Amino acid sequence: METEKRACSSCKYFIQHYAKIGLKIRAVNCGFCNTHSNKKKQKFDVCSYWEDAAVQKEERKKSVKETLELISERLNDIAMILNDDKEG
């Protein structure tokens, strides 16, 4: 079971390959390892570079949330400027 948890498909370095099948884009059972090795990997391979993708996903969510908050602040600033220009 540990091997399944540490498979490439759950690794933060695994970049999934996709293929167009009919009119849809679908994940295929391979990709590549985005470490310095850049080796082609099967989805269920396991290697010494494995790191939990869930950690990266949480970090990405936090970063997106912070970025959206900054964008919201800037949009509010722009709206105030536009309202001032409209009134003035």
PDB file of N, CA and C in Angstrom:
ATOM      1  N   MET A   1       0.822  -1.208   0.000  1.00  0.00           N
ATOM      2  CA  MET A   1       0.000   0.000   0.000  1.00  0.00           C
ATOM      3  C   MET A   1       0.863   1.267   0.000  1.00  0.00           C
ATOM      4  N   GLU A   2       2.005   1.238   0.678  1.00  0.00           N
ATOM      5  CA  GLU A   2       2.882   2.413   0.703  1.00  0.00           C
ATOM      6  C   GLU A   2       3.340   2.761  -0.708  1.00  0.00           C
ATOM      7  N   THR A   3       3.614   1.735  -1.520  1.00  0.00           N
ATOM      8  CA  THR A   3       4.037   1.966  -2.895  1.00  0.00           C
ATOM      9  C   THR A   3       2.964   2.710  -3.671  1.00  0.00           C
ATOM     10  N   GLU A   4       1.698   2.346  -3.482  1.00  0.00           N
ATOM     11  CA  GLU A   4       0.611   3.035  -4.171  1.00  0.00           C
ATOM     12  C   GLU A   4       0.542   4.493  -3.751  1.00  0.00           C
ATOM     13  N   LYS A   5       0.761   4.770  -2.472  1.00  0.00           N
ATOM     14  CA  LYS A   5       0.713   6.152  -1.983  1.00  0.00           C
ATOM     15  C   LYS A   5       1.869   6.970  -2.546  1.00  0.00           C
ATOM     16  N   ARG A   6       3.010   6.324  -2.786  1.00  0.00           N
ATOM     17  CA  ARG A   6       4.199   7.016  -3.252  1.00  0.00           C
ATOM     18  C   ARG A   6       4.405   6.863  -4.766  1.00  0.00           C
ATOM     19  N   ALA A   7       3.362   6.574  -5.485  1.00  0.00           N
ATOM     20  CA  ALA A   7       3.448   6.422  -6.941  1.00  0.00           C
ATOM     21  C   ALA A   7       3.655   7.780  -7.600  1.00  0.00           C
ATOM     22  N   CYS A   8       4.204   7.748  -8.785  1.00  0.00           N
ATOM     23  CA  CYS A   8       4.445   8.991  -9.523  1.00  0.00           C
ATOM     24  C   CYS A   8       3.173   9.830  -9.673  1.00  0.00           C
ATOM     25  N   SER A   9       2.040   9.179  -9.833  1.00  0.00           N
ATOM     26  CA  SER A   9       0.800   9.923 -10.035  1.00  0.00           C
ATOM     27  C   SER A   9       0.447  10.822  -8.856  1.00  0.00           C
ATOM     28  N   SER A  10       1.019  10.559  -7.665  1.00  0.00           N
ATOM     29  CA  SER A  10       0.753  11.402  -6.494  1.00  0.00           C
ATOM     30  C   SER A  10       1.981  12.212  -6.086  1.00  0.00           C
ATOM     31  N   CYS A  11       2.939  12.320  -6.995  1.00  0.00           N
ATOM     32  CA  CYS A  11       4.190  13.046  -6.711  1.00  0.00           C
ATOM     33  C   CYS A  11       4.120  14.461  -7.272  1.00  0.00           C
ATOM     34  N   LYS A  12       4.667  15.404  -6.527  1.00  0.00           N
ATOM     35  CA  LYS A  12       4.633  16.793  -6.990  1.00  0.00           C
ATOM     36  C   LYS A  12       5.495  17.022  -8.233  1.00  0.00           C
ATOM     37  N   TYR A  13       6.420  16.115  -8.539  1.00  0.00           N
ATOM     38  CA  TYR A  13       7.285  16.273  -9.699  1.00  0.00           C
ATOM     39  C   TYR A  13       6.722  15.621 -10.961  1.00  0.00           C
ATOM     40  N   PHE A  14       5.624  14.883 -10.839  1.00  0.00           N
ATOM     41  CA  PHE A  14       5.073  14.165 -11.984  1.00  0.00           C
ATOM     42  C   PHE A  14       4.247  15.109 -12.850  1.00  0.00           C
ATOM     43  N   ILE A  15       4.581  15.184 -14.115  1.00  0.00           N
ATOM     44  CA  ILE A  15       3.843  15.986 -15.083  1.00  0.00           C
ATOM     45  C   ILE A  15       3.077  15.011 -15.971  1.00  0.00           C
ATOM     46  N   GLN A  16       1.763  15.054 -15.865  1.00  0.00           N
ATOM     47  CA  GLN A  16       0.892  14.130 -16.580  1.00  0.00           C
ATOM     48  C   GLN A  16       0.899  14.411 -18.076  1.00  0.00           C
ATOM     49  N   HIS A  17       0.934  13.366 -18.899  1.00  0.00           N
ATOM     50  CA  HIS A  17       0.767  13.500 -20.342  1.00  0.00           C
ATOM     51  C   HIS A  17      -0.708  13.319 -20.682  1.00  0.00           C
ATOM     52  N   TYR A  18      -1.153  13.990 -21.724  1.00  0.00           N
ATOM     53  CA  TYR A  18      -2.540  13.920 -22.183  1.00  0.00           C
ATOM     54  C   TYR A  18      -2.553  13.604 -23.667  1.00  0.00           C
ATOM     55  N   ALA A  19      -3.668  13.042 -24.115  1.00  0.00           N
ATOM     56  CA  ALA A  19      -3.831  12.745 -25.535  1.00  0.00           C
ATOM     57  C   ALA A  19      -5.241  13.130 -25.959  1.00  0.00           C
ATOM     58  N   LYS A  20      -5.357  13.543 -27.215  1.00  0.00           N
ATOM     59  CA  LYS A  20      -6.681  13.832 -27.764  1.00  0.00           C
ATOM     60  C   LYS A  20      -7.256  12.509 -28.265  1.00  0.00           C
ATOM     61  N   ILE A  21      -8.369  12.122 -27.680  1.00  0.00           N
ATOM     62  CA  ILE A  21      -9.048  10.893 -28.071  1.00  0.00           C
ATOM     63  C   ILE A  21     -10.442  11.296 -28.527  1.00  0.00           C
ATOM     64  N   GLY A  22     -10.673  11.171 -29.803  1.00  0.00           N
ATOM     65  CA  GLY A  22     -11.932  11.670 -30.358  1.00  0.00           C
ATOM     66  C   GLY A  22     -11.963  13.178 -30.217  1.00  0.00           C
ATOM     67  N   LEU A  23     -12.984  13.697 -29.558  1.00  0.00           N
ATOM     68  CA  LEU A  23     -13.109  15.140 -29.345  1.00  0.00           C
ATOM     69  C   LEU A  23     -12.661  15.565 -27.954  1.00  0.00           C
ATOM     70  N   LYS A  24     -12.165  14.630 -27.155  1.00  0.00           N
ATOM     71  CA  LYS A  24     -11.813  14.935 -25.766  1.00  0.00           C
ATOM     72  C   LYS A  24     -10.310  14.806 -25.527  1.00  0.00           C
ATOM     73  N   ILE A  25      -9.845  15.564 -24.550  1.00  0.00           N
ATOM     74  CA  ILE A  25      -8.469  15.450 -24.083  1.00  0.00           C
ATOM     75  C   ILE A  25      -8.508  14.586 -22.823  1.00  0.00           C
ATOM     76  N   ARG A  26      -7.704  13.519 -22.793  1.00  0.00           N
ATOM     77  CA  ARG A  26      -7.720  12.600 -21.654  1.00  0.00           C
ATOM     78  C   ARG A  26      -6.304  12.343 -21.157  1.00  0.00           C
ATOM     79  N   ALA A  27      -6.193  12.137 -19.833  1.00  0.00           N
ATOM     80  CA  ALA A  27      -4.913  11.764 -19.239  1.00  0.00           C
ATOM     81  C   ALA A  27      -4.557  10.356 -19.696  1.00  0.00           C
ATOM     82  N   VAL A  28      -3.288  10.137 -19.998  1.00  0.00           N
ATOM     83  CA  VAL A  28      -2.808   8.802 -20.334  1.00  0.00           C
ATOM     84  C   VAL A  28      -1.987   8.288 -19.162  1.00  0.00           C
ATOM     85  N   ASN A  29      -1.626   7.035 -19.171  1.00  0.00           N
ATOM     86  CA  ASN A  29      -0.957   6.440 -18.016  1.00  0.00           C
ATOM     87  C   ASN A  29       0.545   6.681 -17.979  1.00  0.00           C
ATOM     88  N   CYS A  30       0.971   7.829 -18.467  1.00  0.00           N
ATOM     89  CA  CYS A  30       2.391   8.154 -18.362  1.00  0.00           C
ATOM     90  C   CYS A  30       2.565   9.667 -18.335  1.00  0.00           C
ATOM     91  N   GLY A  31       3.774  10.074 -18.040  1.00  0.00           N
ATOM     92  CA  GLY A  31       4.126  11.483 -17.984  1.00  0.00           C
ATOM     93  C   GLY A  31       5.626  11.564 -17.860  1.00  0.00           C
ATOM     94  N   PHE A  32       6.127  12.610 -17.197  1.00  0.00           N
ATOM     95  CA  PHE A  32       7.554  12.650 -16.955  1.00  0.00           C
ATOM     96  C   PHE A  32       7.842  13.239 -15.592  1.00  0.00           C
ATOM     97  N   CYS A  33       9.031  12.922 -15.099  1.00  0.00           N
ATOM     98  CA  CYS A  33       9.474  13.373 -13.786  1.00  0.00           C
ATOM     99  C   CYS A  33      10.136  14.727 -13.967  1.00  0.00           C
ATOM    100  N   ASN A  34       9.629  15.745 -13.299  1.00  0.00           N
ATOM    101  CA  ASN A  34      10.131  17.107 -13.445  1.00  0.00           C
ATOM    102  C   ASN A  34      11.260  17.400 -12.457  1.00  0.00           C
ATOM    103  N   THR A  35      12.141  16.417 -12.258  1.00  0.00           N
ATOM    104  CA  THR A  35      13.348  16.629 -11.465  1.00  0.00           C
ATOM    105  C   THR A  35      14.488  16.807 -12.456  1.00  0.00           C
ATOM    106  N   HIS A  36      15.689  16.862 -11.962  1.00  0.00           N
ATOM    107  CA  HIS A  36      16.822  17.020 -12.871  1.00  0.00           C
ATOM    108  C   HIS A  36      16.976  15.823 -13.811  1.00  0.00           C
ATOM    109  N   SER A  37      16.329  14.699 -13.484  1.00  0.00           N
ATOM    110  CA  SER A  37      16.442  13.520 -14.337  1.00  0.00           C
ATOM    111  C   SER A  37      15.555  13.619 -15.576  1.00  0.00           C
ATOM    112  N   ASN A  38      14.395  14.287 -15.452  1.00  0.00           N
ATOM    113  CA  ASN A  38      13.441  14.448 -16.564  1.00  0.00           C
ATOM    114  C   ASN A  38      13.167  13.148 -17.311  1.00  0.00           C
ATOM    115  N   LYS A  39      13.062  12.054 -16.587  1.00  0.00           N
ATOM    116  CA  LYS A  39      12.824  10.766 -17.226  1.00  0.00           C
ATOM    117  C   LYS A  39      11.344  10.509 -17.429  1.00  0.00           C
ATOM    118  N   LYS A  40      11.045   9.796 -18.525  1.00  0.00           N
ATOM    119  CA  LYS A  40       9.672   9.386 -18.781  1.00  0.00           C
ATOM    120  C   LYS A  40       9.272   8.387 -17.696  1.00  0.00           C
ATOM    121  N   LYS A  41       8.064   8.550 -17.172  1.00  0.00           N
ATOM    122  CA  LYS A  41       7.602   7.702 -16.074  1.00  0.00           C
ATOM    123  C   LYS A  41       6.215   7.163 -16.376  1.00  0.00           C
ATOM    124  N   GLN A  42       5.966   5.970 -15.894  1.00  0.00           N
ATOM    125  CA  GLN A  42       4.615   5.439 -15.882  1.00  0.00           C
ATOM    126  C   GLN A  42       3.948   5.993 -14.633  1.00  0.00           C
ATOM    127  N   LYS A  43       2.672   6.143 -14.678  1.00  0.00           N
ATOM    128  CA  LYS A  43       1.893   6.750 -13.607  1.00  0.00           C
ATOM    129  C   LYS A  43       2.089   6.058 -12.248  1.00  0.00           C
ATOM    130  N   PHE A  44       2.340   4.756 -12.258  1.00  0.00           N
ATOM    131  CA  PHE A  44       2.459   4.019 -10.996  1.00  0.00           C
ATOM    132  C   PHE A  44       3.893   3.686 -10.626  1.00  0.00           C
ATOM    133  N   ASP A  45       4.867   4.260 -11.334  1.00  0.00           N
ATOM    134  CA  ASP A  45       6.272   4.086 -10.948  1.00  0.00           C
ATOM    135  C   ASP A  45       6.519   4.778  -9.616  1.00  0.00           C
ATOM    136  N   VAL A  46       7.596   4.408  -8.950  1.00  0.00           N
ATOM    137  CA  VAL A  46       8.005   5.026  -7.692  1.00  0.00           C
ATOM    138  C   VAL A  46       9.514   5.258  -7.771  1.00  0.00           C
ATOM    139  N   CYS A  47       9.968   6.403  -7.268  1.00  0.00           N
ATOM    140  CA  CYS A  47      11.412   6.650  -7.275  1.00  0.00           C
ATOM    141  C   CYS A  47      11.819   7.431  -6.024  1.00  0.00           C
ATOM    142  N   SER A  48      13.098   7.684  -5.899  1.00  0.00           N
ATOM    143  CA  SER A  48      13.634   8.340  -4.705  1.00  0.00           C
ATOM    144  C   SER A  48      13.319   9.836  -4.656  1.00  0.00           C
ATOM    145  N   TYR A  49      12.835  10.420  -5.747  1.00  0.00           N
ATOM    146  CA  TYR A  49      12.513  11.846  -5.763  1.00  0.00           C
ATOM    147  C   TYR A  49      11.103  12.157  -5.278  1.00  0.00           C
ATOM    148  N   TRP A  50      10.328  11.128  -4.965  1.00  0.00           N
ATOM    149  CA  TRP A  50       8.913  11.311  -4.639  1.00  0.00           C
ATOM    150  C   TRP A  50       8.711  12.309  -3.501  1.00  0.00           C
ATOM    151  N   GLU A  51       7.806  13.259  -3.725  1.00  0.00           N
ATOM    152  CA  GLU A  51       7.344  14.176  -2.687  1.00  0.00           C
ATOM    153  C   GLU A  51       5.847  14.321  -2.870  1.00  0.00           C
ATOM    154  N   ASP A  52       5.148  14.465  -1.783  1.00  0.00           N
ATOM    155  CA  ASP A  52       3.689  14.488  -1.790  1.00  0.00           C
ATOM    156  C   ASP A  52       3.147  15.673  -2.584  1.00  0.00           C
ATOM    157  N   ALA A  53       2.344  15.386  -3.592  1.00  0.00           N
ATOM    158  CA  ALA A  53       1.736  16.435  -4.415  1.00  0.00           C
ATOM    159  C   ALA A  53       0.710  17.236  -3.637  1.00  0.00           C
ATOM    160  N   ALA A  54       0.117  16.638  -2.600  1.00  0.00           N
ATOM    161  CA  ALA A  54      -0.898  17.346  -1.808  1.00  0.00           C
ATOM    162  C   ALA A  54      -0.292  18.568  -1.129  1.00  0.00           C
ATOM    163  N   VAL A  55       0.956  18.472  -0.711  1.00  0.00           N
ATOM    164  CA  VAL A  55       1.629  19.613  -0.077  1.00  0.00           C
ATOM    165  C   VAL A  55       1.761  20.741  -1.088  1.00  0.00           C
ATOM    166  N   GLN A  56       2.193  20.402  -2.296  1.00  0.00           N
ATOM    167  CA  GLN A  56       2.327  21.416  -3.341  1.00  0.00           C
ATOM    168  C   GLN A  56       0.970  22.024  -3.675  1.00  0.00           C
ATOM    169  N   LYS A  57      -0.072  21.194  -3.693  1.00  0.00           N
ATOM    170  CA  LYS A  57      -1.415  21.679  -4.013  1.00  0.00           C
ATOM    171  C   LYS A  57      -1.875  22.687  -2.964  1.00  0.00           C
ATOM    172  N   GLU A  58      -1.626  22.418  -1.687  1.00  0.00           N
ATOM    173  CA  GLU A  58      -2.003  23.351  -0.627  1.00  0.00           C
ATOM    174  C   GLU A  58      -1.214  24.649  -0.727  1.00  0.00           C
ATOM    175  N   GLU A  59       0.085  24.546  -1.039  1.00  0.00           N
ATOM    176  CA  GLU A  59       0.904  25.746  -1.216  1.00  0.00           C
ATOM    177  C   GLU A  59       0.369  26.581  -2.386  1.00  0.00           C
ATOM    178  N   ARG A  60      -0.019  25.905  -3.471  1.00  0.00           N
ATOM    179  CA  ARG A  60      -0.552  26.601  -4.636  1.00  0.00           C
ATOM    180  C   ARG A  60      -1.868  27.291  -4.300  1.00  0.00           C
ATOM    181  N   LYS A  61      -2.742  26.604  -3.541  1.00  0.00           N
ATOM    182  CA  LYS A  61      -4.015  27.207  -3.136  1.00  0.00           C
ATOM    183  C   LYS A  61      -3.774  28.464  -2.310  1.00  0.00           C
ATOM    184  N   LYS A  62      -2.825  28.392  -1.384  1.00  0.00           N
ATOM    185  CA  LYS A  62      -2.507  29.542  -0.537  1.00  0.00           C
ATOM    186  C   LYS A  62      -1.996  30.699  -1.392  1.00  0.00           C
ATOM    187  N   SER A  63      -1.125  30.396  -2.338  1.00  0.00           N
ATOM    188  CA  SER A  63      -0.575  31.426  -3.212  1.00  0.00           C
ATOM    189  C   SER A  63      -1.665  32.065  -4.078  1.00  0.00           C
ATOM    190  N   VAL A  64      -2.560  31.245  -4.610  1.00  0.00           N
ATOM    191  CA  VAL A  64      -3.660  31.764  -5.436  1.00  0.00           C
ATOM    192  C   VAL A  64      -4.564  32.654  -4.595  1.00  0.00           C
ATOM    193  N   LYS A  65      -4.853  32.224  -3.372  1.00  0.00           N
ATOM    194  CA  LYS A  65      -5.711  33.021  -2.483  1.00  0.00           C
ATOM    195  C   LYS A  65      -5.082  34.388  -2.209  1.00  0.00           C
ATOM    196  N   GLU A  66      -3.780  34.404  -1.909  1.00  0.00           N
ATOM    197  CA  GLU A  66      -3.092  35.666  -1.649  1.00  0.00           C
ATOM    198  C   GLU A  66      -3.098  36.556  -2.884  1.00  0.00           C
ATOM    199  N   THR A  67      -2.877  35.974  -4.050  1.00  0.00           N
ATOM    200  CA  THR A  67      -2.878  36.742  -5.293  1.00  0.00           C
ATOM    201  C   THR A  67      -4.252  37.330  -5.575  1.00  0.00           C
ATOM    202  N   LEU A  68      -5.298  36.527  -5.364  1.00  0.00           N
ATOM    203  CA  LEU A  68      -6.660  37.033  -5.576  1.00  0.00           C
ATOM    204  C   LEU A  68      -6.999  38.169  -4.622  1.00  0.00           C
ATOM    205  N   GLU A  69      -6.521  38.084  -3.381  1.00  0.00           N
ATOM    206  CA  GLU A  69      -6.754  39.163  -2.422  1.00  0.00           C
ATOM    207  C   GLU A  69      -6.070  40.445  -2.891  1.00  0.00           C
ATOM    208  N   LEU A  70      -4.840  40.324  -3.415  1.00  0.00           N
ATOM    209  CA  LEU A  70      -4.134  41.502  -3.941  1.00  0.00           C
ATOM    210  C   LEU A  70      -4.866  42.080  -5.153  1.00  0.00           C
ATOM    211  N   ILE A  71      -5.334  41.219  -6.037  1.00  0.00           N
ATOM    212  CA  ILE A  71      -6.081  41.681  -7.208  1.00  0.00           C
ATOM    213  C   ILE A  71      -7.346  42.408  -6.770  1.00  0.00           C
ATOM    214  N   SER A  72      -8.025  41.856  -5.779  1.00  0.00           N
ATOM    215  CA  SER A  72      -9.247  42.481  -5.268  1.00  0.00           C
ATOM    216  C   SER A  72      -8.959  43.883  -4.721  1.00  0.00           C
ATOM    217  N   GLU A  73      -7.876  44.006  -3.970  1.00  0.00           N
ATOM    218  CA  GLU A  73      -7.494  45.319  -3.436  1.00  0.00           C
ATOM    219  C   GLU A  73      -7.219  46.300  -4.571  1.00  0.00           C
ATOM    220  N   ARG A  74      -6.485  45.850  -5.597  1.00  0.00           N
ATOM    221  CA  ARG A  74      -6.164  46.737  -6.724  1.00  0.00           C
ATOM    222  C   ARG A  74      -7.423  47.136  -7.487  1.00  0.00           C
ATOM    223  N   LEU A  75      -8.352  46.186  -7.660  1.00  0.00           N
ATOM    224  CA  LEU A  75      -9.606  46.507  -8.356  1.00  0.00           C
ATOM    225  C   LEU A  75     -10.415  47.523  -7.564  1.00  0.00           C
ATOM    226  N   ASN A  76     -10.419  47.387  -6.246  1.00  0.00           N
ATOM    227  CA  ASN A  76     -11.108  48.374  -5.411  1.00  0.00           C
ATOM    228  C   ASN A  76     -10.460  49.750  -5.558  1.00  0.00           C
ATOM    229  N   ASP A  77      -9.123  49.788  -5.594  1.00  0.00           N
ATOM    230  CA  ASP A  77      -8.416  51.053  -5.801  1.00  0.00           C
ATOM    231  C   ASP A  77      -8.797  51.675  -7.144  1.00  0.00           C
ATOM    232  N   ILE A  78      -8.828  50.857  -8.189  1.00  0.00           N
ATOM    233  CA  ILE A  78      -9.184  51.346  -9.529  1.00  0.00           C
ATOM    234  C   ILE A  78     -10.622  51.857  -9.543  1.00  0.00           C
ATOM    235  N   ALA A  79     -11.522  51.128  -8.902  1.00  0.00           N
ATOM    236  CA  ALA A  79     -12.931  51.556  -8.848  1.00  0.00           C
ATOM    237  C   ALA A  79     -13.052  52.904  -8.145  1.00  0.00           C
ATOM    238  N   MET A  80     -12.318  53.112  -7.076  1.00  0.00           N
ATOM    239  CA  MET A  80     -12.364  54.397  -6.376  1.00  0.00           C
ATOM    240  C   MET A  80     -11.837  55.518  -7.256  1.00  0.00           C
ATOM    241  N   ILE A  81     -10.741  55.254  -7.984  1.00  0.00           N
ATOM    242  CA  ILE A  81     -10.181  56.262  -8.899  1.00  0.00           C
ATOM    243  C   ILE A  81     -11.182  56.609  -9.986  1.00  0.00           C
ATOM    244  N   LEU A  82     -11.815  55.592 -10.560  1.00  0.00           N
ATOM    245  CA  LEU A  82     -12.802  55.845 -11.617  1.00  0.00           C
ATOM    246  C   LEU A  82     -14.002  56.611 -11.095  1.00  0.00           C
ATOM    247  N   ASN A  83     -14.422  56.300  -9.869  1.00  0.00           N
ATOM    248  CA  ASN A  83     -15.539  57.040  -9.277  1.00  0.00           C
ATOM    249  C   ASN A  83     -15.156  58.487  -9.005  1.00  0.00           C
ATOM    250  N   ASP A  84     -13.922  58.715  -8.540  1.00  0.00           N
ATOM    251  CA  ASP A  84     -13.453  60.072  -8.309  1.00  0.00           C
ATOM    252  C   ASP A  84     -13.410  60.869  -9.611  1.00  0.00           C
ATOM    253  N   ASP A  85     -12.924  60.212 -10.704  1.00  0.00           N
ATOM    254  CA  ASP A  85     -12.858  60.877 -12.008  1.00  0.00           C
ATOM    255  C   ASP A  85     -14.256  61.200 -12.512  1.00  0.00           C
ATOM    256  N   LYS A  86     -15.188  60.304 -12.271  1.00  0.00           N
ATOM    257  CA  LYS A  86     -16.556  60.487 -12.745  1.00  0.00           C
ATOM    258  C   LYS A  86     -17.231  61.639 -11.994  1.00  0.00           C
ATOM    259  N   GLU A  87     -16.965  61.762 -10.713  1.00  0.00           N
ATOM    260  CA  GLU A  87     -17.579  62.804  -9.890  1.00  0.00           C
ATOM    261  C   GLU A  87     -16.886  64.142 -10.104  1.00  0.00           C
ATOM    262  N   GLY A  88     -15.601  64.126 -10.427  1.00  0.00           N
ATOM    263  CA  GLY A  88     -14.826  65.353 -10.549  1.00  0.00           C
ATOM    264  C   GLY A  88     -14.897  65.952 -11.866  1.00  0.00           C
TER     265      GLY A  88
END
